[in-house]
Protein backbone atom coordinates (compact mmCIF):
# COMPACT_ATOMS: atom_id res chain seq x y z
CA MET A 1 27.84 -1.45 -12.36
CA THR A 2 28.67 0.22 -9.07
CA LYS A 3 29.54 -1.63 -5.88
CA LEU A 4 26.14 -0.71 -4.45
CA GLU A 5 24.33 -2.12 -7.49
CA GLU A 6 26.37 -5.32 -7.27
CA LEU A 7 25.52 -5.73 -3.60
CA LYS A 8 21.82 -5.17 -4.26
CA ALA A 9 21.88 -7.78 -7.04
CA ASP A 10 23.68 -10.23 -4.74
CA LEU A 11 21.12 -9.54 -2.01
CA LYS A 12 18.26 -10.22 -4.40
CA THR A 13 19.84 -13.53 -5.44
CA ALA A 14 20.53 -14.58 -1.84
CA VAL A 15 16.98 -13.76 -0.73
CA GLU A 16 15.51 -15.74 -3.62
CA SER A 17 17.76 -18.73 -2.90
CA HIS A 18 16.85 -18.56 0.79
CA LYS A 19 13.14 -18.53 -0.08
CA ASN A 20 13.59 -21.57 -2.32
CA LEU A 21 15.38 -23.51 0.40
CA VAL A 22 12.79 -22.65 3.01
CA ALA A 23 9.97 -23.57 0.59
CA CYS A 24 11.79 -26.82 -0.31
CA THR A 25 12.03 -25.91 -4.00
CA GLY A 26 14.74 -24.93 -6.43
CA LYS A 27 17.96 -26.49 -7.67
CA SER A 28 19.92 -26.04 -4.44
CA TYR A 29 17.32 -27.84 -2.36
CA LYS A 30 17.02 -30.71 -4.83
CA MET A 31 20.82 -31.08 -4.96
CA LEU A 32 21.04 -31.21 -1.16
CA ILE A 33 18.34 -33.85 -0.88
CA ARG A 34 19.83 -35.90 -3.72
CA ASN A 35 23.17 -35.92 -1.88
CA GLY A 36 21.56 -36.78 1.45
CA LEU A 37 22.29 -33.44 3.11
CA ALA A 38 19.99 -31.43 5.36
CA PRO A 39 19.28 -27.87 4.17
CA GLY A 40 19.33 -26.42 7.72
CA GLY A 41 23.00 -25.45 7.65
CA LEU A 42 22.69 -23.84 4.26
CA ILE A 43 19.62 -21.89 5.34
CA ALA A 44 21.54 -20.53 8.34
CA SER A 45 24.38 -19.53 6.02
CA TYR A 46 21.97 -17.63 3.78
CA VAL A 47 20.58 -15.78 6.80
CA ARG A 48 24.11 -14.64 7.73
CA ILE A 49 24.91 -13.69 4.12
CA ILE A 50 21.70 -11.68 3.77
CA LYS A 51 22.38 -9.82 7.03
CA SER A 52 25.94 -9.06 5.94
CA LEU A 53 24.81 -7.77 2.55
CA LYS A 54 22.14 -5.57 4.13
CA ASP A 55 24.70 -4.12 6.55
CA GLU A 56 27.18 -3.38 3.77
CA ILE A 57 24.46 -1.77 1.61
CA ALA A 58 23.40 0.42 4.53
CA GLN A 59 27.01 1.55 5.07
CA LEU A 60 27.47 2.46 1.41
CA GLU A 61 24.16 4.30 1.28
CA ALA A 62 25.08 6.25 4.42
CA LYS A 63 28.43 7.23 2.86
CA ALA A 64 26.67 8.32 -0.33
CA ALA A 65 24.18 10.41 1.63
CA LEU A 66 27.01 12.03 3.58
CA LYS A 67 28.89 12.89 0.38
CA LYS A 68 25.71 14.32 -1.13
CA SER A 69 25.06 16.51 1.92
CA LYS A 70 28.68 17.75 1.93
CA LYS A 71 28.40 18.73 -1.74
CA ALA A 72 25.13 20.53 -1.06
CA THR A 73 26.66 22.54 1.80
CA LYS A 74 29.67 23.47 -0.36
CA LYS A 75 27.35 24.82 -3.08
CA VAL A 76 25.49 26.95 -0.53
CA LYS A 77 28.69 28.64 0.66
């Protein structure tokens, strides 16, 4: 599994967990409530994590596109 694939899988998991917390479902939400904690802080953390993952994926995809275009120009020469 490449780094990009790992990041996309992590993003998918984080988005699903975020949805569950916002919808007040899932294991994480139930654990928070059982322990008397408010999910607001965890939701904010997921928002930051999701943004960070999206940024890192965009950077890797941009690098891959740049490499691909460099290889294409070398073949043309």
